[in-house]
Amino acid sequence: MTTPLQEPTFLILAVLADGPRHGYAVIQEVAALSGGRVQLRPGTLYGALDRLADQGLVTVDREEVVDGRLRRYYGLTDDGADLLAADAERLTSNAAVALSRLRRRGSAARPRPSQA
């Protein structure tokens, strides 16, 4: 069993799932996917990308120079895709259980306040 991914890591991998992105694009898309809840700072992102690369979950896809600055694109590896898929399935399963229990709770007869 693997340790569940932290939300920022999950979102970074999710952003990279449909193709390589450069750092600024990852920051923007993580914010969009999370509805603004997760705001990555560049230092945090690049530290996470370095860690994910060391774990074999992402790789540097390519580099290019834009306006005199190096832009590095990161891509998801097969291992990264497998881990993301497993964690997405875990979250989906947990959410289904929670929603099912909430529906049962909502349909149960609720006690009425006593009449004084």
PDB file of N, CA and C in Angstrom:
ATOM      1  N   MET A   1       0.842  -1.177   0.000  1.00  0.00           N
ATOM      2  CA  MET A   1       0.000   0.000   0.000  1.00  0.00           C
ATOM      3  C   MET A   1       0.888   1.240   0.000  1.00  0.00           C
ATOM      4  N   THR A   2       0.517   2.230  -0.791  1.00  0.00           N
ATOM      5  CA  THR A   2       1.296   3.453  -0.836  1.00  0.00           C
ATOM      6  C   THR A   2       0.657   4.511   0.059  1.00  0.00           C
ATOM      7  N   THR A   3       1.477   5.444   0.480  1.00  0.00           N
ATOM      8  CA  THR A   3       0.982   6.554   1.282  1.00  0.00           C
ATOM      9  C   THR A   3       0.149   7.469   0.400  1.00  0.00           C
ATOM     10  N   PRO A   4      -1.008   7.906   0.876  1.00  0.00           N
ATOM     11  CA  PRO A   4      -1.818   8.830   0.068  1.00  0.00           C
ATOM     12  C   PRO A   4      -1.017  10.088  -0.260  1.00  0.00           C
ATOM     13  N   LEU A   5      -1.245  10.607  -1.448  1.00  0.00           N
ATOM     14  CA  LEU A   5      -0.563  11.819  -1.876  1.00  0.00           C
ATOM     15  C   LEU A   5      -1.130  13.037  -1.161  1.00  0.00           C
ATOM     16  N   GLN A   6      -0.276  13.978  -0.852  1.00  0.00           N
ATOM     17  CA  GLN A   6      -0.732  15.268  -0.354  1.00  0.00           C
ATOM     18  C   GLN A   6      -1.427  15.982  -1.504  1.00  0.00           C
ATOM     19  N   GLU A   7      -2.393  16.842  -1.197  1.00  0.00           N
ATOM     20  CA  GLU A   7      -3.169  17.499  -2.244  1.00  0.00           C
ATOM     21  C   GLU A   7      -2.296  18.255  -3.257  1.00  0.00           C
ATOM     22  N   PRO A   8      -1.292  19.038  -2.834  1.00  0.00           N
ATOM     23  CA  PRO A   8      -0.481  19.728  -3.845  1.00  0.00           C
ATOM     24  C   PRO A   8       0.220  18.757  -4.796  1.00  0.00           C
ATOM     25  N   THR A   9       0.744  17.662  -4.261  1.00  0.00           N
ATOM     26  CA  THR A   9       1.418  16.668  -5.099  1.00  0.00           C
ATOM     27  C   THR A   9       0.428  16.024  -6.057  1.00  0.00           C
ATOM     28  N   PHE A  10      -0.742  15.661  -5.555  1.00  0.00           N
ATOM     29  CA  PHE A  10      -1.798  15.079  -6.393  1.00  0.00           C
ATOM     30  C   PHE A  10      -2.126  16.027  -7.540  1.00  0.00           C
ATOM     31  N   LEU A  11      -2.293  17.313  -7.231  1.00  0.00           N
ATOM     32  CA  LEU A  11      -2.660  18.289  -8.254  1.00  0.00           C
ATOM     33  C   LEU A  11      -1.536  18.516  -9.264  1.00  0.00           C
ATOM     34  N   ILE A  12      -0.291  18.532  -8.811  1.00  0.00           N
ATOM     35  CA  ILE A  12       0.839  18.676  -9.738  1.00  0.00           C
ATOM     36  C   ILE A  12       0.836  17.515 -10.723  1.00  0.00           C
ATOM     37  N   LEU A  13       0.700  16.300 -10.227  1.00  0.00           N
ATOM     38  CA  LEU A  13       0.668  15.127 -11.105  1.00  0.00           C
ATOM     39  C   LEU A  13      -0.534  15.175 -12.038  1.00  0.00           C
ATOM     40  N   ALA A  14      -1.681  15.618 -11.518  1.00  0.00           N
ATOM     41  CA  ALA A  14      -2.885  15.712 -12.349  1.00  0.00           C
ATOM     42  C   ALA A  14      -2.687  16.714 -13.482  1.00  0.00           C
ATOM     43  N   VAL A  15      -2.043  17.828 -13.200  1.00  0.00           N
ATOM     44  CA  VAL A  15      -1.780  18.833 -14.234  1.00  0.00           C
ATOM     45  C   VAL A  15      -0.907  18.242 -15.340  1.00  0.00           C
ATOM     46  N   LEU A  16       0.060  17.434 -14.951  1.00  0.00           N
ATOM     47  CA  LEU A  16       0.998  16.861 -15.931  1.00  0.00           C
ATOM     48  C   LEU A  16       0.432  15.633 -16.651  1.00  0.00           C
ATOM     49  N   ALA A  17      -0.726  15.146 -16.229  1.00  0.00           N
ATOM     50  CA  ALA A  17      -1.277  13.908 -16.777  1.00  0.00           C
ATOM     51  C   ALA A  17      -1.593  14.003 -18.266  1.00  0.00           C
ATOM     52  N   ASP A  18      -1.965  15.185 -18.749  1.00  0.00           N
ATOM     53  CA  ASP A  18      -2.310  15.275 -20.174  1.00  0.00           C
ATOM     54  C   ASP A  18      -1.233  15.931 -21.020  1.00  0.00           C
ATOM     55  N   GLY A  19      -0.058  16.098 -20.454  1.00  0.00           N
ATOM     56  CA  GLY A  19       1.058  16.598 -21.248  1.00  0.00           C
ATOM     57  C   GLY A  19       2.007  17.458 -20.433  1.00  0.00           C
ATOM     58  N   PRO A  20       3.222  17.616 -20.937  1.00  0.00           N
ATOM     59  CA  PRO A  20       4.240  18.402 -20.230  1.00  0.00           C
ATOM     60  C   PRO A  20       3.830  19.860 -20.065  1.00  0.00           C
ATOM     61  N   ARG A  21       4.279  20.454 -18.972  1.00  0.00           N
ATOM     62  CA  ARG A  21       4.031  21.866 -18.666  1.00  0.00           C
ATOM     63  C   ARG A  21       5.300  22.466 -18.080  1.00  0.00           C
ATOM     64  N   HIS A  22       5.462  23.764 -18.281  1.00  0.00           N
ATOM     65  CA  HIS A  22       6.550  24.472 -17.605  1.00  0.00           C
ATOM     66  C   HIS A  22       6.032  24.925 -16.239  1.00  0.00           C
ATOM     67  N   GLY A  23       6.942  25.328 -15.369  1.00  0.00           N
ATOM     68  CA  GLY A  23       6.606  25.617 -13.979  1.00  0.00           C
ATOM     69  C   GLY A  23       5.476  26.606 -13.787  1.00  0.00           C
ATOM     70  N   TYR A  24       5.525  27.745 -14.494  1.00  0.00           N
ATOM     71  CA  TYR A  24       4.483  28.756 -14.312  1.00  0.00           C
ATOM     72  C   TYR A  24       3.117  28.210 -14.708  1.00  0.00           C
ATOM     73  N   ALA A  25       3.066  27.419 -15.775  1.00  0.00           N
ATOM     74  CA  ALA A  25       1.800  26.817 -16.196  1.00  0.00           C
ATOM     75  C   ALA A  25       1.290  25.842 -15.131  1.00  0.00           C
ATOM     76  N   VAL A  26       2.195  25.099 -14.498  1.00  0.00           N
ATOM     77  CA  VAL A  26       1.793  24.181 -13.426  1.00  0.00           C
ATOM     78  C   VAL A  26       1.181  24.971 -12.276  1.00  0.00           C
ATOM     79  N   ILE A  27       1.819  26.069 -11.899  1.00  0.00           N
ATOM     80  CA  ILE A  27       1.308  26.907 -10.807  1.00  0.00           C
ATOM     81  C   ILE A  27      -0.103  27.396 -11.130  1.00  0.00           C
ATOM     82  N   GLN A  28      -0.300  27.891 -12.337  1.00  0.00           N
ATOM     83  CA  GLN A  28      -1.611  28.408 -12.741  1.00  0.00           C
ATOM     84  C   GLN A  28      -2.675  27.310 -12.766  1.00  0.00           C
ATOM     85  N   GLU A  29      -2.327  26.164 -13.333  1.00  0.00           N
ATOM     86  CA  GLU A  29      -3.319  25.087 -13.462  1.00  0.00           C
ATOM     87  C   GLU A  29      -3.658  24.444 -12.121  1.00  0.00           C
ATOM     88  N   VAL A  30      -2.676  24.347 -11.220  1.00  0.00           N
ATOM     89  CA  VAL A  30      -2.969  23.820  -9.880  1.00  0.00           C
ATOM     90  C   VAL A  30      -3.971  24.743  -9.190  1.00  0.00           C
ATOM     91  N   ALA A  31      -3.757  26.045  -9.293  1.00  0.00           N
ATOM     92  CA  ALA A  31      -4.695  26.994  -8.691  1.00  0.00           C
ATOM     93  C   ALA A  31      -6.085  26.834  -9.302  1.00  0.00           C
ATOM     94  N   ALA A  32      -6.155  26.680 -10.617  1.00  0.00           N
ATOM     95  CA  ALA A  32      -7.446  26.529 -11.292  1.00  0.00           C
ATOM     96  C   ALA A  32      -8.132  25.220 -10.893  1.00  0.00           C
ATOM     97  N   LEU A  33      -7.400  24.116 -10.895  1.00  0.00           N
ATOM     98  CA  LEU A  33      -7.983  22.816 -10.539  1.00  0.00           C
ATOM     99  C   LEU A  33      -8.510  22.792  -9.110  1.00  0.00           C
ATOM    100  N   SER A  34      -7.825  23.507  -8.234  1.00  0.00           N
ATOM    101  CA  SER A  34      -8.224  23.490  -6.821  1.00  0.00           C
ATOM    102  C   SER A  34      -9.212  24.598  -6.479  1.00  0.00           C
ATOM    103  N   GLY A  35      -9.675  25.320  -7.474  1.00  0.00           N
ATOM    104  CA  GLY A  35     -10.586  26.422  -7.198  1.00  0.00           C
ATOM    105  C   GLY A  35      -9.928  27.508  -6.364  1.00  0.00           C
ATOM    106  N   GLY A  36      -8.612  27.629  -6.479  1.00  0.00           N
ATOM    107  CA  GLY A  36      -7.870  28.649  -5.746  1.00  0.00           C
ATOM    108  C   GLY A  36      -7.436  28.244  -4.349  1.00  0.00           C
ATOM    109  N   ARG A  37      -7.822  27.045  -3.897  1.00  0.00           N
ATOM    110  CA  ARG A  37      -7.436  26.587  -2.551  1.00  0.00           C
ATOM    111  C   ARG A  37      -5.943  26.356  -2.430  1.00  0.00           C
ATOM    112  N   VAL A  38      -5.310  25.855  -3.503  1.00  0.00           N
ATOM    113  CA  VAL A  38      -3.886  25.544  -3.471  1.00  0.00           C
ATOM    114  C   VAL A  38      -3.166  26.554  -4.346  1.00  0.00           C
ATOM    115  N   GLN A  39      -2.352  27.376  -3.707  1.00  0.00           N
ATOM    116  CA  GLN A  39      -1.552  28.387  -4.396  1.00  0.00           C
ATOM    117  C   GLN A  39      -0.085  28.031  -4.174  1.00  0.00           C
ATOM    118  N   LEU A  40       0.553  27.490  -5.205  1.00  0.00           N
ATOM    119  CA  LEU A  40       1.951  27.094  -5.088  1.00  0.00           C
ATOM    120  C   LEU A  40       2.864  28.283  -5.350  1.00  0.00           C
ATOM    121  N   ARG A  41       3.867  28.425  -4.546  1.00  0.00           N
ATOM    122  CA  ARG A  41       4.907  29.416  -4.789  1.00  0.00           C
ATOM    123  C   ARG A  41       5.998  28.731  -5.604  1.00  0.00           C
ATOM    124  N   PRO A  42       6.741  29.502  -6.379  1.00  0.00           N
ATOM    125  CA  PRO A  42       7.768  28.880  -7.235  1.00  0.00           C
ATOM    126  C   PRO A  42       8.746  27.990  -6.469  1.00  0.00           C
ATOM    127  N   GLY A  43       9.234  28.441  -5.333  1.00  0.00           N
ATOM    128  CA  GLY A  43      10.182  27.619  -4.568  1.00  0.00           C
ATOM    129  C   GLY A  43       9.579  26.305  -4.124  1.00  0.00           C
ATOM    130  N   THR A  44       8.314  26.350  -3.718  1.00  0.00           N
ATOM    131  CA  THR A  44       7.614  25.138  -3.300  1.00  0.00           C
ATOM    132  C   THR A  44       7.429  24.198  -4.486  1.00  0.00           C
ATOM    133  N   LEU A  45       7.012  24.760  -5.625  1.00  0.00           N
ATOM    134  CA  LEU A  45       6.795  23.937  -6.814  1.00  0.00           C
ATOM    135  C   LEU A  45       8.080  23.262  -7.257  1.00  0.00           C
ATOM    136  N   TYR A  46       9.144  24.036  -7.393  1.00  0.00           N
ATOM    137  CA  TYR A  46      10.375  23.444  -7.920  1.00  0.00           C
ATOM    138  C   TYR A  46      10.986  22.447  -6.937  1.00  0.00           C
ATOM    139  N   GLY A  47      10.819  22.672  -5.644  1.00  0.00           N
ATOM    140  CA  GLY A  47      11.239  21.670  -4.666  1.00  0.00           C
ATOM    141  C   GLY A  47      10.449  20.384  -4.832  1.00  0.00           C
ATOM    142  N   ALA A  48       9.137  20.524  -5.041  1.00  0.00           N
ATOM    143  CA  ALA A  48       8.279  19.349  -5.241  1.00  0.00           C
ATOM    144  C   ALA A  48       8.644  18.641  -6.541  1.00  0.00           C
ATOM    145  N   LEU A  49       8.865  19.402  -7.609  1.00  0.00           N
ATOM    146  CA  LEU A  49       9.229  18.778  -8.890  1.00  0.00           C
ATOM    147  C   LEU A  49      10.562  18.047  -8.792  1.00  0.00           C
ATOM    148  N   ASP A  50      11.535  18.623  -8.070  1.00  0.00           N
ATOM    149  CA  ASP A  50      12.820  17.938  -7.869  1.00  0.00           C
ATOM    150  C   ASP A  50      12.615  16.628  -7.108  1.00  0.00           C
ATOM    151  N   ARG A  51      11.791  16.674  -6.059  1.00  0.00           N
ATOM    152  CA  ARG A  51      11.512  15.461  -5.265  1.00  0.00           C
ATOM    153  C   ARG A  51      10.800  14.413  -6.113  1.00  0.00           C
ATOM    154  N   LEU A  52       9.812  14.846  -6.893  1.00  0.00           N
ATOM    155  CA  LEU A  52       9.070  13.920  -7.757  1.00  0.00           C
ATOM    156  C   LEU A  52       9.968  13.334  -8.839  1.00  0.00           C
ATOM    157  N   ALA A  53      10.899  14.140  -9.341  1.00  0.00           N
ATOM    158  CA  ALA A  53      11.857  13.637 -10.337  1.00  0.00           C
ATOM    159  C   ALA A  53      12.786  12.600  -9.696  1.00  0.00           C
ATOM    160  N   ASP A  54      13.253  12.882  -8.477  1.00  0.00           N
ATOM    161  CA  ASP A  54      14.115  11.923  -7.764  1.00  0.00           C
ATOM    162  C   ASP A  54      13.394  10.598  -7.527  1.00  0.00           C
ATOM    163  N   GLN A  55      12.066  10.662  -7.362  1.00  0.00           N
ATOM    164  CA  GLN A  55      11.260   9.452  -7.141  1.00  0.00           C
ATOM    165  C   GLN A  55      10.858   8.776  -8.446  1.00  0.00           C
ATOM    166  N   GLY A  56      11.223   9.375  -9.580  1.00  0.00           N
ATOM    167  CA  GLY A  56      10.893   8.786 -10.872  1.00  0.00           C
ATOM    168  C   GLY A  56       9.454   8.999 -11.306  1.00  0.00           C
ATOM    169  N   LEU A  57       8.772   9.981 -10.702  1.00  0.00           N
ATOM    170  CA  LEU A  57       7.363  10.219 -11.016  1.00  0.00           C
ATOM    171  C   LEU A  57       7.175  11.280 -12.090  1.00  0.00           C
ATOM    172  N   VAL A  58       8.124  12.194 -12.205  1.00  0.00           N
ATOM    173  CA  VAL A  58       8.125  13.189 -13.279  1.00  0.00           C
ATOM    174  C   VAL A  58       9.530  13.229 -13.876  1.00  0.00           C
ATOM    175  N   THR A  59       9.603  13.780 -15.068  1.00  0.00           N
ATOM    176  CA  THR A  59      10.892  13.908 -15.734  1.00  0.00           C
ATOM    177  C   THR A  59      10.930  15.237 -16.472  1.00  0.00           C
ATOM    178  N   VAL A  60      12.135  15.729 -16.708  1.00  0.00           N
ATOM    179  CA  VAL A  60      12.265  16.926 -17.533  1.00  0.00           C
ATOM    180  C   VAL A  60      12.033  16.497 -18.975  1.00  0.00           C
ATOM    181  N   ASP A  61      11.035  17.071 -19.591  1.00  0.00           N
ATOM    182  CA  ASP A  61      10.656  16.728 -20.954  1.00  0.00           C
ATOM    183  C   ASP A  61      11.526  17.464 -21.966  1.00  0.00           C
ATOM    184  N   ARG A  62      11.701  18.770 -21.735  1.00  0.00           N
ATOM    185  CA  ARG A  62      12.535  19.586 -22.628  1.00  0.00           C
ATOM    186  C   ARG A  62      12.798  20.924 -21.962  1.00  0.00           C
ATOM    187  N   GLU A  63      13.735  21.654 -22.537  1.00  0.00           N
ATOM    188  CA  GLU A  63      14.049  22.998 -22.070  1.00  0.00           C
ATOM    189  C   GLU A  63      14.098  23.914 -23.276  1.00  0.00           C
ATOM    190  N   GLU A  64      13.707  25.171 -23.060  1.00  0.00           N
ATOM    191  CA  GLU A  64      13.823  26.169 -24.113  1.00  0.00           C
ATOM    192  C   GLU A  64      14.114  27.514 -23.468  1.00  0.00           C
ATOM    193  N   VAL A  65      14.695  28.415 -24.238  1.00  0.00           N
ATOM    194  CA  VAL A  65      14.961  29.759 -23.748  1.00  0.00           C
ATOM    195  C   VAL A  65      13.874  30.680 -24.286  1.00  0.00           C
ATOM    196  N   VAL A  66      13.199  31.370 -23.351  1.00  0.00           N
ATOM    197  CA  VAL A  66      12.137  32.307 -23.698  1.00  0.00           C
ATOM    198  C   VAL A  66      12.492  33.640 -23.044  1.00  0.00           C
ATOM    199  N   ASP A  67      12.611  34.682 -23.864  1.00  0.00           N
ATOM    200  CA  ASP A  67      12.982  36.014 -23.360  1.00  0.00           C
ATOM    201  C   ASP A  67      14.241  35.969 -22.507  1.00  0.00           C
ATOM    202  N   GLY A  68      15.208  35.191 -22.945  1.00  0.00           N
ATOM    203  CA  GLY A  68      16.486  35.109 -22.253  1.00  0.00           C
ATOM    204  C   GLY A  68      16.483  34.269 -20.993  1.00  0.00           C
ATOM    205  N   ARG A  69      15.362  33.614 -20.692  1.00  0.00           N
ATOM    206  CA  ARG A  69      15.279  32.777 -19.487  1.00  0.00           C
ATOM    207  C   ARG A  69      14.991  31.341 -19.878  1.00  0.00           C
ATOM    208  N   LEU A  70      15.593  30.436 -19.116  1.00  0.00           N
ATOM    209  CA  LEU A  70      15.388  29.008 -19.362  1.00  0.00           C
ATOM    210  C   LEU A  70      14.001  28.603 -18.879  1.00  0.00           C
ATOM    211  N   ARG A  71      13.257  27.939 -19.740  1.00  0.00           N
ATOM    212  CA  ARG A  71      11.940  27.403 -19.383  1.00  0.00           C
ATOM    213  C   ARG A  71      12.052  25.881 -19.476  1.00  0.00           C
ATOM    214  N   ARG A  72      11.824  25.238 -18.360  1.00  0.00           N
ATOM    215  CA  ARG A  72      11.928  23.772 -18.286  1.00  0.00           C
ATOM    216  C   ARG A  72      10.518  23.190 -18.244  1.00  0.00           C
ATOM    217  N   TYR A  73      10.287  22.205 -19.088  1.00  0.00           N
ATOM    218  CA  TYR A  73       8.993  21.514 -19.150  1.00  0.00           C
ATOM    219  C   TYR A  73       9.121  20.168 -18.451  1.00  0.00           C
ATOM    220  N   TYR A  74       8.133  19.865 -17.623  1.00  0.00           N
ATOM    221  CA  TYR A  74       8.108  18.609 -16.886  1.00  0.00           C
ATOM    222  C   TYR A  74       6.981  17.740 -17.408  1.00  0.00           C
ATOM    223  N   GLY A  75       7.233  16.442 -17.445  1.00  0.00           N
ATOM    224  CA  GLY A  75       6.234  15.489 -17.883  1.00  0.00           C
ATOM    225  C   GLY A  75       6.063  14.384 -16.858  1.00  0.00           C
ATOM    226  N   LEU A  76       4.930  13.740 -16.917  1.00  0.00           N
ATOM    227  CA  LEU A  76       4.597  12.637 -16.021  1.00  0.00           C
ATOM    228  C   LEU A  76       5.186  11.344 -16.574  1.00  0.00           C
ATOM    229  N   THR A  77       5.839  10.581 -15.726  1.00  0.00           N
ATOM    230  CA  THR A  77       6.345   9.275 -16.140  1.00  0.00           C
ATOM    231  C   THR A  77       5.234   8.236 -16.017  1.00  0.00           C
ATOM    232  N   ASP A  78       5.481   7.043 -16.528  1.00  0.00           N
ATOM    233  CA  ASP A  78       4.499   5.963 -16.372  1.00  0.00           C
ATOM    234  C   ASP A  78       4.275   5.641 -14.897  1.00  0.00           C
ATOM    235  N   ASP A  79       5.352   5.646 -14.099  1.00  0.00           N
ATOM    236  CA  ASP A  79       5.198   5.400 -12.661  1.00  0.00           C
ATOM    237  C   ASP A  79       4.371   6.500 -12.009  1.00  0.00           C
ATOM    238  N   GLY A  80       4.584   7.738 -12.441  1.00  0.00           N
ATOM    239  CA  GLY A  80       3.793   8.851 -11.919  1.00  0.00           C
ATOM    240  C   GLY A  80       2.328   8.705 -12.280  1.00  0.00           C
ATOM    241  N   ALA A  81       2.054   8.279 -13.510  1.00  0.00           N
ATOM    242  CA  ALA A  81       0.671   8.075 -13.953  1.00  0.00           C
ATOM    243  C   ALA A  81       0.021   6.949 -13.158  1.00  0.00           C
ATOM    244  N   ASP A  82       0.763   5.886 -12.907  1.00  0.00           N
ATOM    245  CA  ASP A  82       0.223   4.763 -12.125  1.00  0.00           C
ATOM    246  C   ASP A  82      -0.106   5.203 -10.699  1.00  0.00           C
ATOM    247  N   LEU A  83       0.789   5.972 -10.088  1.00  0.00           N
ATOM    248  CA  LEU A  83       0.557   6.446  -8.722  1.00  0.00           C
ATOM    249  C   LEU A  83      -0.640   7.394  -8.678  1.00  0.00           C
ATOM    250  N   LEU A  84      -0.722   8.299  -9.648  1.00  0.00           N
ATOM    251  CA  LEU A  84      -1.854   9.228  -9.711  1.00  0.00           C
ATOM    252  C   LEU A  84      -3.166   8.461  -9.884  1.00  0.00           C
ATOM    253  N   ALA A  85      -3.180   7.479 -10.762  1.00  0.00           N
ATOM    254  CA  ALA A  85      -4.389   6.688 -10.989  1.00  0.00           C
ATOM    255  C   ALA A  85      -4.807   5.944  -9.720  1.00  0.00           C
ATOM    256  N   ALA A  86      -3.844   5.370  -9.018  1.00  0.00           N
ATOM    257  CA  ALA A  86      -4.160   4.638  -7.784  1.00  0.00           C
ATOM    258  C   ALA A  86      -4.721   5.582  -6.728  1.00  0.00           C
ATOM    259  N   ASP A  87      -4.127   6.761  -6.598  1.00  0.00           N
ATOM    260  CA  ASP A  87      -4.613   7.691  -5.588  1.00  0.00           C
ATOM    261  C   ASP A  87      -5.970   8.261  -5.980  1.00  0.00           C
ATOM    262  N   ALA A  88      -6.192   8.513  -7.258  1.00  0.00           N
ATOM    263  CA  ALA A  88      -7.500   8.992  -7.717  1.00  0.00           C
ATOM    264  C   ALA A  88      -8.575   7.937  -7.432  1.00  0.00           C
ATOM    265  N   GLU A  89      -8.247   6.680  -7.647  1.00  0.00           N
ATOM    266  CA  GLU A  89      -9.196   5.591  -7.356  1.00  0.00           C
ATOM    267  C   GLU A  89      -9.483   5.517  -5.861  1.00  0.00           C
ATOM    268  N   ARG A  90      -8.455   5.674  -5.040  1.00  0.00           N
ATOM    269  CA  ARG A  90      -8.639   5.661  -3.586  1.00  0.00           C
ATOM    270  C   ARG A  90      -9.570   6.799  -3.163  1.00  0.00           C
ATOM    271  N   LEU A  91      -9.321   7.999  -3.692  1.00  0.00           N
ATOM    272  CA  LEU A  91     -10.155   9.151  -3.346  1.00  0.00           C
ATOM    273  C   LEU A  91     -11.596   8.959  -3.823  1.00  0.00           C
ATOM    274  N   THR A  92     -11.756   8.419  -5.029  1.00  0.00           N
ATOM    275  CA  THR A  92     -13.089   8.170  -5.571  1.00  0.00           C
ATOM    276  C   THR A  92     -13.855   7.183  -4.703  1.00  0.00           C
ATOM    277  N   SER A  93     -13.184   6.116  -4.293  1.00  0.00           N
ATOM    278  CA  SER A  93     -13.810   5.106  -3.450  1.00  0.00           C
ATOM    279  C   SER A  93     -14.202   5.693  -2.093  1.00  0.00           C
ATOM    280  N   ASN A  94     -13.295   6.457  -1.498  1.00  0.00           N
ATOM    281  CA  ASN A  94     -13.598   7.080  -0.200  1.00  0.00           C
ATOM    282  C   ASN A  94     -14.764   8.063  -0.320  1.00  0.00           C
ATOM    283  N   ALA A  95     -14.777   8.832  -1.395  1.00  0.00           N
ATOM    284  CA  ALA A  95     -15.865   9.797  -1.600  1.00  0.00           C
ATOM    285  C   ALA A  95     -17.196   9.077  -1.782  1.00  0.00           C
ATOM    286  N   ALA A  96     -17.204   7.968  -2.513  1.00  0.00           N
ATOM    287  CA  ALA A  96     -18.440   7.207  -2.731  1.00  0.00           C
ATOM    288  C   ALA A  96     -18.987   6.684  -1.406  1.00  0.00           C
ATOM    289  N   VAL A  97     -18.105   6.183  -0.551  1.00  0.00           N
ATOM    290  CA  VAL A  97     -18.543   5.687   0.762  1.00  0.00           C
ATOM    291  C   VAL A  97     -19.122   6.837   1.590  1.00  0.00           C
ATOM    292  N   ALA A  98     -18.426   7.959   1.614  1.00  0.00           N
ATOM    293  CA  ALA A  98     -18.888   9.098   2.397  1.00  0.00           C
ATOM    294  C   ALA A  98     -20.246   9.597   1.890  1.00  0.00           C
ATOM    295  N   LEU A  99     -20.405   9.713   0.578  1.00  0.00           N
ATOM    296  CA  LEU A  99     -21.669  10.185   0.011  1.00  0.00           C
ATOM    297  C   LEU A  99     -22.803   9.210   0.299  1.00  0.00           C
ATOM    298  N   SER A 100     -22.511   7.929   0.214  1.00  0.00           N
ATOM    299  CA  SER A 100     -23.527   6.923   0.508  1.00  0.00           C
ATOM    300  C   SER A 100     -23.998   7.038   1.958  1.00  0.00           C
ATOM    301  N   ARG A 101     -23.069   7.199   2.858  1.00  0.00           N
ATOM    302  CA  ARG A 101     -23.423   7.323   4.270  1.00  0.00           C
ATOM    303  C   ARG A 101     -24.173   8.623   4.546  1.00  0.00           C
ATOM    304  N   LEU A 102     -23.798   9.674   3.860  1.00  0.00           N
ATOM    305  CA  LEU A 102     -24.520  10.938   4.032  1.00  0.00           C
ATOM    306  C   LEU A 102     -25.947  10.833   3.512  1.00  0.00           C
ATOM    307  N   ARG A 103     -26.138  10.116   2.405  1.00  0.00           N
ATOM    308  CA  ARG A 103     -27.497   9.920   1.884  1.00  0.00           C
ATOM    309  C   ARG A 103     -28.338   9.127   2.884  1.00  0.00           C
ATOM    310  N   ARG A 104     -27.747   8.087   3.468  1.00  0.00           N
ATOM    311  CA  ARG A 104     -28.477   7.297   4.479  1.00  0.00           C
ATOM    312  C   ARG A 104     -28.814   8.153   5.684  1.00  0.00           C
ATOM    313  N   ARG A 105     -27.888   8.983   6.073  1.00  0.00           N
ATOM    314  CA  ARG A 105     -28.115   9.874   7.210  1.00  0.00           C
ATOM    315  C   ARG A 105     -29.263  10.817   6.900  1.00  0.00           C
ATOM    316  N   GLY A 106     -29.281  11.352   5.691  1.00  0.00           N
ATOM    317  CA  GLY A 106     -30.321  12.302   5.296  1.00  0.00           C
ATOM    318  C   GLY A 106     -31.683  11.659   5.204  1.00  0.00           C
ATOM    319  N   SER A 107     -31.732  10.357   4.896  1.00  0.00           N
ATOM    320  CA  SER A 107     -33.034   9.702   4.749  1.00  0.00           C
ATOM    321  C   SER A 107     -33.524   9.109   6.068  1.00  0.00           C
ATOM    322  N   ALA A 108     -32.682   9.052   7.069  1.00  0.00           N
ATOM    323  CA  ALA A 108     -33.107   8.521   8.364  1.00  0.00           C
ATOM    324  C   ALA A 108     -34.052   9.526   9.023  1.00  0.00           C
ATOM    325  N   ALA A 109     -35.012   8.979   9.743  1.00  0.00           N
ATOM    326  CA  ALA A 109     -35.955   9.858  10.456  1.00  0.00           C
ATOM    327  C   ALA A 109     -35.184  10.647  11.492  1.00  0.00           C
ATOM    328  N   ARG A 110     -35.388  11.925  11.480  1.00  0.00           N
ATOM    329  CA  ARG A 110     -34.710  12.772  12.438  1.00  0.00           C
ATOM    330  C   ARG A 110     -35.627  12.994  13.648  1.00  0.00           C
ATOM    331  N   PRO A 111     -35.047  12.925  14.830  1.00  0.00           N
ATOM    332  CA  PRO A 111     -35.871  13.173  16.014  1.00  0.00           C
ATOM    333  C   PRO A 111     -36.371  14.625  16.018  1.00  0.00           C
ATOM    334  N   ARG A 112     -37.591  14.784  16.420  1.00  0.00           N
ATOM    335  CA  ARG A 112     -38.186  16.118  16.480  1.00  0.00           C
ATOM    336  C   ARG A 112     -37.961  16.687  17.869  1.00  0.00           C
ATOM    337  N   PRO A 113     -37.796  17.989  17.923  1.00  0.00           N
ATOM    338  CA  PRO A 113     -37.628  18.601  19.260  1.00  0.00           C
ATOM    339  C   PRO A 113     -38.888  18.359  20.085  1.00  0.00           C
ATOM    340  N   SER A 114     -38.703  18.133  21.366  1.00  0.00           N
ATOM    341  CA  SER A 114     -39.865  17.874  22.225  1.00  0.00           C
ATOM    342  C   SER A 114     -40.708  19.128  22.368  1.00  0.00           C
ATOM    343  N   GLN A 115     -41.994  18.899  22.464  1.00  0.00           N
ATOM    344  CA  GLN A 115     -42.943  20.013  22.615  1.00  0.00           C
ATOM    345  C   GLN A 115     -42.998  20.390  24.092  1.00  0.00           C
ATOM    346  N   ALA A 116     -42.859  21.624  24.408  1.00  0.00           N
ATOM    347  CA  ALA A 116     -42.911  22.056  25.813  1.00  0.00           C
ATOM    348  C   ALA A 116     -44.268  22.555  26.184  1.00  0.00           C
TER     349      ALA A 116
END
